[in-house]
Amino acid sequence: MADVKKEVLEIIAAKTSLDVAVLEPAALLADLNIASLDVVEIVFALEEKFDIQIPFNANKAKTEFATVGDVVRAVEALVTERSDSN
């Protein structure tokens, strides 16, 4: 799962122009000034990269993914679920 985490952080960094070093698991997306439009673009990029479907409601983005760790855990769980079903 280390590779998944690394790739998730790289996608977040690329979509937000943030340095990967500031993307700590406890870092709040709001504190990093990641706008809701950025979150939508991140979700699309993650879905494409990992061939997963992230249940996501753009109107509730701040409550679904409050931290960087929330995003990483959601993707890891979906990747594991997809692997288990194959």
PDB file of N, CA and C in Angstrom:
ATOM      1  N   MET A   1       0.815  -1.219   0.000  1.00  0.00           N
ATOM      2  CA  MET A   1       0.000   0.000   0.000  1.00  0.00           C
ATOM      3  C   MET A   1       0.850   1.272   0.000  1.00  0.00           C
ATOM      4  N   ALA A   2       2.138   1.101   0.273  1.00  0.00           N
ATOM      5  CA  ALA A   2       3.022   2.269   0.281  1.00  0.00           C
ATOM      6  C   ALA A   2       3.033   2.948  -1.089  1.00  0.00           C
ATOM      7  N   ASP A   3       3.010   2.136  -2.152  1.00  0.00           N
ATOM      8  CA  ASP A   3       2.995   2.709  -3.496  1.00  0.00           C
ATOM      9  C   ASP A   3       1.702   3.471  -3.764  1.00  0.00           C
ATOM     10  N   VAL A   4       0.585   2.946  -3.267  1.00  0.00           N
ATOM     11  CA  VAL A   4      -0.702   3.631  -3.444  1.00  0.00           C
ATOM     12  C   VAL A   4      -0.634   4.981  -2.743  1.00  0.00           C
ATOM     13  N   LYS A   5      -0.163   4.987  -1.504  1.00  0.00           N
ATOM     14  CA  LYS A   5      -0.072   6.243  -0.755  1.00  0.00           C
ATOM     15  C   LYS A   5       0.813   7.240  -1.500  1.00  0.00           C
ATOM     16  N   LYS A   6       1.966   6.782  -1.969  1.00  0.00           N
ATOM     17  CA  LYS A   6       2.898   7.658  -2.683  1.00  0.00           C
ATOM     18  C   LYS A   6       2.240   8.241  -3.927  1.00  0.00           C
ATOM     19  N   GLU A   7       1.549   7.405  -4.680  1.00  0.00           N
ATOM     20  CA  GLU A   7       0.905   7.873  -5.909  1.00  0.00           C
ATOM     21  C   GLU A   7      -0.246   8.833  -5.611  1.00  0.00           C
ATOM     22  N   VAL A   8      -1.006   8.564  -4.544  1.00  0.00           N
ATOM     23  CA  VAL A   8      -2.086   9.473  -4.148  1.00  0.00           C
ATOM     24  C   VAL A   8      -1.500  10.843  -3.806  1.00  0.00           C
ATOM     25  N   LEU A   9      -0.434  10.847  -3.014  1.00  0.00           N
ATOM     26  CA  LEU A   9       0.189  12.117  -2.632  1.00  0.00           C
ATOM     27  C   LEU A   9       0.739  12.853  -3.847  1.00  0.00           C
ATOM     28  N   GLU A  10       1.309  12.118  -4.786  1.00  0.00           N
ATOM     29  CA  GLU A  10       1.829  12.749  -6.001  1.00  0.00           C
ATOM     30  C   GLU A  10       0.705  13.371  -6.832  1.00  0.00           C
ATOM     31  N   ILE A  11      -0.438  12.707  -6.902  1.00  0.00           N
ATOM     32  CA  ILE A  11      -1.583  13.253  -7.649  1.00  0.00           C
ATOM     33  C   ILE A  11      -2.110  14.504  -6.955  1.00  0.00           C
ATOM     34  N   ILE A  12      -2.231  14.453  -5.634  1.00  0.00           N
ATOM     35  CA  ILE A  12      -2.706  15.633  -4.896  1.00  0.00           C
ATOM     36  C   ILE A  12      -1.743  16.795  -5.127  1.00  0.00           C
ATOM     37  N   ALA A  13      -0.447  16.528  -5.028  1.00  0.00           N
ATOM     38  CA  ALA A  13       0.553  17.579  -5.229  1.00  0.00           C
ATOM     39  C   ALA A  13       0.463  18.164  -6.640  1.00  0.00           C
ATOM     40  N   ALA A  14       0.313  17.300  -7.629  1.00  0.00           N
ATOM     41  CA  ALA A  14       0.250  17.760  -9.017  1.00  0.00           C
ATOM     42  C   ALA A  14      -0.984  18.616  -9.277  1.00  0.00           C
ATOM     43  N   LYS A  15      -2.102  18.243  -8.690  1.00  0.00           N
ATOM     44  CA  LYS A  15      -3.355  18.967  -8.938  1.00  0.00           C
ATOM     45  C   LYS A  15      -3.460  20.262  -8.141  1.00  0.00           C
ATOM     46  N   THR A  16      -2.623  20.408  -7.117  1.00  0.00           N
ATOM     47  CA  THR A  16      -2.724  21.584  -6.252  1.00  0.00           C
ATOM     48  C   THR A  16      -1.485  22.460  -6.238  1.00  0.00           C
ATOM     49  N   SER A  17      -0.438  22.028  -6.910  1.00  0.00           N
ATOM     50  CA  SER A  17       0.841  22.738  -6.908  1.00  0.00           C
ATOM     51  C   SER A  17       1.461  22.827  -5.516  1.00  0.00           C
ATOM     52  N   LEU A  18       1.105  21.881  -4.650  1.00  0.00           N
ATOM     53  CA  LEU A  18       1.706  21.808  -3.318  1.00  0.00           C
ATOM     54  C   LEU A  18       2.880  20.855  -3.357  1.00  0.00           C
ATOM     55  N   ASP A  19       3.813  21.041  -2.434  1.00  0.00           N
ATOM     56  CA  ASP A  19       4.929  20.125  -2.295  1.00  0.00           C
ATOM     57  C   ASP A  19       4.447  18.885  -1.547  1.00  0.00           C
ATOM     58  N   VAL A  20       4.876  17.717  -1.982  1.00  0.00           N
ATOM     59  CA  VAL A  20       4.471  16.463  -1.345  1.00  0.00           C
ATOM     60  C   VAL A  20       4.813  16.489   0.148  1.00  0.00           C
ATOM     61  N   ALA A  21       5.864  17.183   0.530  1.00  0.00           N
ATOM     62  CA  ALA A  21       6.313  17.228   1.919  1.00  0.00           C
ATOM     63  C   ALA A  21       5.261  17.817   2.869  1.00  0.00           C
ATOM     64  N   VAL A  22       4.385  18.676   2.374  1.00  0.00           N
ATOM     65  CA  VAL A  22       3.366  19.272   3.251  1.00  0.00           C
ATOM     66  C   VAL A  22       2.115  18.403   3.352  1.00  0.00           C
ATOM     67  N   LEU A  23       2.075  17.333   2.584  1.00  0.00           N
ATOM     68  CA  LEU A  23       0.882  16.485   2.541  1.00  0.00           C
ATOM     69  C   LEU A  23       0.945  15.389   3.607  1.00  0.00           C
ATOM     70  N   GLU A  24       0.962  15.814   4.855  1.00  0.00           N
ATOM     71  CA  GLU A  24       0.947  14.903   5.995  1.00  0.00           C
ATOM     72  C   GLU A  24      -0.455  14.330   6.154  1.00  0.00           C
ATOM     73  N   PRO A  25      -0.586  13.094   6.666  1.00  0.00           N
ATOM     74  CA  PRO A  25      -1.917  12.487   6.815  1.00  0.00           C
ATOM     75  C   PRO A  25      -2.911  13.339   7.600  1.00  0.00           C
ATOM     76  N   ALA A  26      -2.453  14.030   8.627  1.00  0.00           N
ATOM     77  CA  ALA A  26      -3.365  14.830   9.458  1.00  0.00           C
ATOM     78  C   ALA A  26      -3.642  16.217   8.888  1.00  0.00           C
ATOM     79  N   ALA A  27      -2.976  16.579   7.807  1.00  0.00           N
ATOM     80  CA  ALA A  27      -3.154  17.910   7.225  1.00  0.00           C
ATOM     81  C   ALA A  27      -4.577  18.064   6.689  1.00  0.00           C
ATOM     82  N   LEU A  28      -5.241  19.099   7.146  1.00  0.00           N
ATOM     83  CA  LEU A  28      -6.599  19.387   6.682  1.00  0.00           C
ATOM     84  C   LEU A  28      -6.549  19.990   5.283  1.00  0.00           C
ATOM     85  N   LEU A  29      -7.417  19.483   4.408  1.00  0.00           N
ATOM     86  CA  LEU A  29      -7.459  20.017   3.048  1.00  0.00           C
ATOM     87  C   LEU A  29      -7.747  21.512   3.065  1.00  0.00           C
ATOM     88  N   ALA A  30      -8.620  21.929   3.953  1.00  0.00           N
ATOM     89  CA  ALA A  30      -8.968  23.354   4.036  1.00  0.00           C
ATOM     90  C   ALA A  30      -7.755  24.188   4.448  1.00  0.00           C
ATOM     91  N   ASP A  31      -6.957  23.670   5.374  1.00  0.00           N
ATOM     92  CA  ASP A  31      -5.770  24.402   5.813  1.00  0.00           C
ATOM     93  C   ASP A  31      -4.720  24.484   4.705  1.00  0.00           C
ATOM     94  N   LEU A  32      -4.749  23.525   3.790  1.00  0.00           N
ATOM     95  CA  LEU A  32      -3.818  23.528   2.659  1.00  0.00           C
ATOM     96  C   LEU A  32      -4.353  24.361   1.496  1.00  0.00           C
ATOM     97  N   ASN A  33      -5.529  24.973   1.711  1.00  0.00           N
ATOM     98  CA  ASN A  33      -6.189  25.792   0.685  1.00  0.00           C
ATOM     99  C   ASN A  33      -6.497  25.004  -0.580  1.00  0.00           C
ATOM    100  N   ILE A  34      -6.910  23.751  -0.395  1.00  0.00           N
ATOM    101  CA  ILE A  34      -7.321  22.927  -1.527  1.00  0.00           C
ATOM    102  C   ILE A  34      -8.805  23.188  -1.766  1.00  0.00           C
ATOM    103  N   ALA A  35      -9.101  23.841  -2.867  1.00  0.00           N
ATOM    104  CA  ALA A  35     -10.471  24.235  -3.194  1.00  0.00           C
ATOM    105  C   ALA A  35     -11.302  23.030  -3.606  1.00  0.00           C
ATOM    106  N   SER A  36     -12.614  23.166  -3.519  1.00  0.00           N
ATOM    107  CA  SER A  36     -13.504  22.060  -3.870  1.00  0.00           C
ATOM    108  C   SER A  36     -13.325  21.630  -5.324  1.00  0.00           C
ATOM    109  N   LEU A  37     -13.042  22.558  -6.213  1.00  0.00           N
ATOM    110  CA  LEU A  37     -12.790  22.200  -7.611  1.00  0.00           C
ATOM    111  C   LEU A  37     -11.526  21.341  -7.718  1.00  0.00           C
ATOM    112  N   ASP A  38     -10.514  21.678  -6.919  1.00  0.00           N
ATOM    113  CA  ASP A  38      -9.296  20.864  -6.891  1.00  0.00           C
ATOM    114  C   ASP A  38      -9.608  19.448  -6.401  1.00  0.00           C
ATOM    115  N   VAL A  39     -10.475  19.341  -5.392  1.00  0.00           N
ATOM    116  CA  VAL A  39     -10.840  18.023  -4.861  1.00  0.00           C
ATOM    117  C   VAL A  39     -11.523  17.198  -5.949  1.00  0.00           C
ATOM    118  N   VAL A  40     -12.390  17.810  -6.711  1.00  0.00           N
ATOM    119  CA  VAL A  40     -13.068  17.106  -7.805  1.00  0.00           C
ATOM    120  C   VAL A  40     -12.034  16.612  -8.823  1.00  0.00           C
ATOM    121  N   GLU A  41     -11.089  17.460  -9.196  1.00  0.00           N
ATOM    122  CA  GLU A  41     -10.049  17.057 -10.144  1.00  0.00           C
ATOM    123  C   GLU A  41      -9.181  15.940  -9.571  1.00  0.00           C
ATOM    124  N   ILE A  42      -8.895  16.002  -8.278  1.00  0.00           N
ATOM    125  CA  ILE A  42      -8.118  14.954  -7.606  1.00  0.00           C
ATOM    126  C   ILE A  42      -8.875  13.638  -7.662  1.00  0.00           C
ATOM    127  N   VAL A  43     -10.162  13.673  -7.364  1.00  0.00           N
ATOM    128  CA  VAL A  43     -10.987  12.459  -7.384  1.00  0.00           C
ATOM    129  C   VAL A  43     -10.982  11.835  -8.779  1.00  0.00           C
ATOM    130  N   PHE A  44     -11.182  12.652  -9.809  1.00  0.00           N
ATOM    131  CA  PHE A  44     -11.174  12.129 -11.182  1.00  0.00           C
ATOM    132  C   PHE A  44      -9.825  11.501 -11.518  1.00  0.00           C
ATOM    133  N   ALA A  45      -8.743  12.165 -11.144  1.00  0.00           N
ATOM    134  CA  ALA A  45      -7.400  11.645 -11.435  1.00  0.00           C
ATOM    135  C   ALA A  45      -7.139  10.337 -10.696  1.00  0.00           C
ATOM    136  N   LEU A  46      -7.593  10.242  -9.448  1.00  0.00           N
ATOM    137  CA  LEU A  46      -7.412   9.013  -8.663  1.00  0.00           C
ATOM    138  C   LEU A  46      -8.222   7.865  -9.257  1.00  0.00           C
ATOM    139  N   GLU A  47      -9.451   8.167  -9.663  1.00  0.00           N
ATOM    140  CA  GLU A  47     -10.288   7.127 -10.274  1.00  0.00           C
ATOM    141  C   GLU A  47      -9.641   6.588 -11.545  1.00  0.00           C
ATOM    142  N   GLU A  48      -9.107   7.491 -12.348  1.00  0.00           N
ATOM    143  CA  GLU A  48      -8.474   7.077 -13.597  1.00  0.00           C
ATOM    144  C   GLU A  48      -7.197   6.278 -13.323  1.00  0.00           C
ATOM    145  N   LYS A  49      -6.385   6.763 -12.410  1.00  0.00           N
ATOM    146  CA  LYS A  49      -5.102   6.119 -12.118  1.00  0.00           C
ATOM    147  C   LYS A  49      -5.280   4.699 -11.581  1.00  0.00           C
ATOM    148  N   PHE A  50      -6.226   4.525 -10.644  1.00  0.00           N
ATOM    149  CA  PHE A  50      -6.374   3.247  -9.959  1.00  0.00           C
ATOM    150  C   PHE A  50      -7.535   2.406 -10.473  1.00  0.00           C
ATOM    151  N   ASP A  51      -8.240   2.899 -11.491  1.00  0.00           N
ATOM    152  CA  ASP A  51      -9.390   2.198 -12.052  1.00  0.00           C
ATOM    153  C   ASP A  51     -10.402   1.839 -10.956  1.00  0.00           C
ATOM    154  N   ILE A  52     -10.787   2.865 -10.205  1.00  0.00           N
ATOM    155  CA  ILE A  52     -11.746   2.708  -9.103  1.00  0.00           C
ATOM    156  C   ILE A  52     -12.841   3.752  -9.249  1.00  0.00           C
ATOM    157  N   GLN A  53     -13.904   3.572  -8.486  1.00  0.00           N
ATOM    158  CA  GLN A  53     -14.987   4.557  -8.400  1.00  0.00           C
ATOM    159  C   GLN A  53     -15.037   5.055  -6.967  1.00  0.00           C
ATOM    160  N   ILE A  54     -14.774   6.315  -6.778  1.00  0.00           N
ATOM    161  CA  ILE A  54     -14.813   6.909  -5.447  1.00  0.00           C
ATOM    162  C   ILE A  54     -16.194   7.497  -5.232  1.00  0.00           C
ATOM    163  N   PRO A  55     -16.930   6.969  -4.237  1.00  0.00           N
ATOM    164  CA  PRO A  55     -18.242   7.571  -3.959  1.00  0.00           C
ATOM    165  C   PRO A  55     -18.016   8.995  -3.453  1.00  0.00           C
ATOM    166  N   PHE A  56     -18.449   9.948  -4.235  1.00  0.00           N
ATOM    167  CA  PHE A  56     -18.104  11.332  -3.944  1.00  0.00           C
ATOM    168  C   PHE A  56     -19.245  12.246  -4.308  1.00  0.00           C
ATOM    169  N   ASN A  57     -19.569  13.139  -3.400  1.00  0.00           N
ATOM    170  CA  ASN A  57     -20.585  14.156  -3.636  1.00  0.00           C
ATOM    171  C   ASN A  57     -19.883  15.498  -3.530  1.00  0.00           C
ATOM    172  N   ALA A  58     -19.735  16.196  -4.629  1.00  0.00           N
ATOM    173  CA  ALA A  58     -18.999  17.466  -4.643  1.00  0.00           C
ATOM    174  C   ALA A  58     -19.576  18.477  -3.659  1.00  0.00           C
ATOM    175  N   ASN A  59     -20.857  18.360  -3.354  1.00  0.00           N
ATOM    176  CA  ASN A  59     -21.471  19.291  -2.419  1.00  0.00           C
ATOM    177  C   ASN A  59     -21.059  19.025  -0.980  1.00  0.00           C
ATOM    178  N   LYS A  60     -20.532  17.824  -0.714  1.00  0.00           N
ATOM    179  CA  LYS A  60     -20.109  17.461   0.639  1.00  0.00           C
ATOM    180  C   LYS A  60     -18.613  17.174   0.704  1.00  0.00           C
ATOM    181  N   ALA A  61     -17.854  17.680  -0.226  1.00  0.00           N
ATOM    182  CA  ALA A  61     -16.430  17.342  -0.328  1.00  0.00           C
ATOM    183  C   ALA A  61     -15.679  17.584   0.973  1.00  0.00           C
ATOM    184  N   LYS A  62     -15.989  18.662   1.650  1.00  0.00           N
ATOM    185  CA  LYS A  62     -15.254  18.979   2.868  1.00  0.00           C
ATOM    186  C   LYS A  62     -15.543  17.981   3.976  1.00  0.00           C
ATOM    187  N   THR A  63     -16.747  17.403   4.013  1.00  0.00           N
ATOM    188  CA  THR A  63     -17.055  16.451   5.070  1.00  0.00           C
ATOM    189  C   THR A  63     -16.600  15.045   4.717  1.00  0.00           C
ATOM    190  N   GLU A  64     -16.544  14.701   3.439  1.00  0.00           N
ATOM    191  CA  GLU A  64     -16.112  13.366   3.042  1.00  0.00           C
ATOM    192  C   GLU A  64     -14.607  13.216   3.176  1.00  0.00           C
ATOM    193  N   PHE A  65     -13.877  14.218   2.779  1.00  0.00           N
ATOM    194  CA  PHE A  65     -12.422  14.188   2.833  1.00  0.00           C
ATOM    195  C   PHE A  65     -11.948  15.421   3.578  1.00  0.00           C
ATOM    196  N   ALA A  66     -11.771  15.287   4.865  1.00  0.00           N
ATOM    197  CA  ALA A  66     -11.313  16.429   5.657  1.00  0.00           C
ATOM    198  C   ALA A  66      -9.795  16.545   5.638  1.00  0.00           C
ATOM    199  N   THR A  67      -9.108  15.391   5.589  1.00  0.00           N
ATOM    200  CA  THR A  67      -7.652  15.403   5.667  1.00  0.00           C
ATOM    201  C   THR A  67      -7.033  14.659   4.479  1.00  0.00           C
ATOM    202  N   VAL A  68      -5.753  14.844   4.320  1.00  0.00           N
ATOM    203  CA  VAL A  68      -5.003  14.096   3.308  1.00  0.00           C
ATOM    204  C   VAL A  68      -5.111  12.608   3.607  1.00  0.00           C
ATOM    205  N   GLY A  69      -5.031  12.254   4.883  1.00  0.00           N
ATOM    206  CA  GLY A  69      -5.143  10.856   5.285  1.00  0.00           C
ATOM    207  C   GLY A  69      -6.477  10.241   4.899  1.00  0.00           C
ATOM    208  N   ASP A  70      -7.555  11.023   4.969  1.00  0.00           N
ATOM    209  CA  ASP A  70      -8.878  10.529   4.552  1.00  0.00           C
ATOM    210  C   ASP A  70      -8.863  10.104   3.090  1.00  0.00           C
ATOM    211  N   VAL A  71      -8.219  10.905   2.259  1.00  0.00           N
ATOM    212  CA  VAL A  71      -8.150  10.600   0.824  1.00  0.00           C
ATOM    213  C   VAL A  71      -7.330   9.325   0.609  1.00  0.00           C
ATOM    214  N   VAL A  72      -6.177   9.251   1.261  1.00  0.00           N
ATOM    215  CA  VAL A  72      -5.302   8.081   1.113  1.00  0.00           C
ATOM    216  C   VAL A  72      -6.021   6.813   1.563  1.00  0.00           C
ATOM    217  N   ARG A  73      -6.659   6.858   2.733  1.00  0.00           N
ATOM    218  CA  ARG A  73      -7.356   5.669   3.258  1.00  0.00           C
ATOM    219  C   ARG A  73      -8.502   5.236   2.342  1.00  0.00           C
ATOM    220  N   ALA A  74      -9.237   6.181   1.800  1.00  0.00           N
ATOM    221  CA  ALA A  74     -10.353   5.851   0.905  1.00  0.00           C
ATOM    222  C   ALA A  74      -9.839   5.148  -0.347  1.00  0.00           C
ATOM    223  N   VAL A  75      -8.768   5.669  -0.924  1.00  0.00           N
ATOM    224  CA  VAL A  75      -8.214   5.060  -2.142  1.00  0.00           C
ATOM    225  C   VAL A  75      -7.637   3.683  -1.823  1.00  0.00           C
ATOM    226  N   GLU A  76      -6.893   3.565  -0.728  1.00  0.00           N
ATOM    227  CA  GLU A  76      -6.321   2.266  -0.352  1.00  0.00           C
ATOM    228  C   GLU A  76      -7.417   1.223  -0.167  1.00  0.00           C
ATOM    229  N   ALA A  77      -8.504   1.602   0.491  1.00  0.00           N
ATOM    230  CA  ALA A  77      -9.608   0.663   0.721  1.00  0.00           C
ATOM    231  C   ALA A  77     -10.240   0.239  -0.596  1.00  0.00           C
ATOM    232  N   LEU A  78     -10.445   1.169  -1.508  1.00  0.00           N
ATOM    233  CA  LEU A  78     -11.056   0.836  -2.793  1.00  0.00           C
ATOM    234  C   LEU A  78     -10.132  -0.012  -3.659  1.00  0.00           C
ATOM    235  N   VAL A  79      -8.836   0.252  -3.608  1.00  0.00           N
ATOM    236  CA  VAL A  79      -7.876  -0.551  -4.370  1.00  0.00           C
ATOM    237  C   VAL A  79      -7.840  -1.975  -3.806  1.00  0.00           C
ATOM    238  N   THR A  80      -7.855  -2.098  -2.480  1.00  0.00           N
ATOM    239  CA  THR A  80      -7.867  -3.418  -1.841  1.00  0.00           C
ATOM    240  C   THR A  80      -9.142  -4.167  -2.195  1.00  0.00           C
ATOM    241  N   GLU A  81     -10.268  -3.473  -2.143  1.00  0.00           N
ATOM    242  CA  GLU A  81     -11.562  -4.085  -2.477  1.00  0.00           C
ATOM    243  C   GLU A  81     -11.571  -4.585  -3.918  1.00  0.00           C
ATOM    244  N   ARG A  82     -11.037  -3.771  -4.820  1.00  0.00           N
ATOM    245  CA  ARG A  82     -10.976  -4.159  -6.228  1.00  0.00           C
ATOM    246  C   ARG A  82     -10.075  -5.383  -6.410  1.00  0.00           C
ATOM    247  N   SER A  83      -8.948  -5.400  -5.726  1.00  0.00           N
ATOM    248  CA  SER A  83      -8.016  -6.533  -5.818  1.00  0.00           C
ATOM    249  C   SER A  83      -8.629  -7.806  -5.270  1.00  0.00           C
ATOM    250  N   ASP A  84      -9.357  -7.687  -4.171  1.00  0.00           N
ATOM    251  CA  ASP A  84     -10.000  -8.850  -3.544  1.00  0.00           C
ATOM    252  C   ASP A  84     -11.098  -9.440  -4.416  1.00  0.00           C
ATOM    253  N   SER A  85     -11.749  -8.592  -5.209  1.00  0.00           N
ATOM    254  CA  SER A  85     -12.860  -9.080  -6.032  1.00  0.00           C
ATOM    255  C   SER A  85     -12.369  -9.713  -7.333  1.00  0.00           C
ATOM    256  N   ASN A  86     -11.097  -9.535  -7.654  1.00  0.00           N
ATOM    257  CA  ASN A  86     -10.549 -10.117  -8.892  1.00  0.00           C
ATOM    258  C   ASN A  86     -10.017 -11.459  -8.639  1.00  0.00           C
TER     259      ASN A  86
END
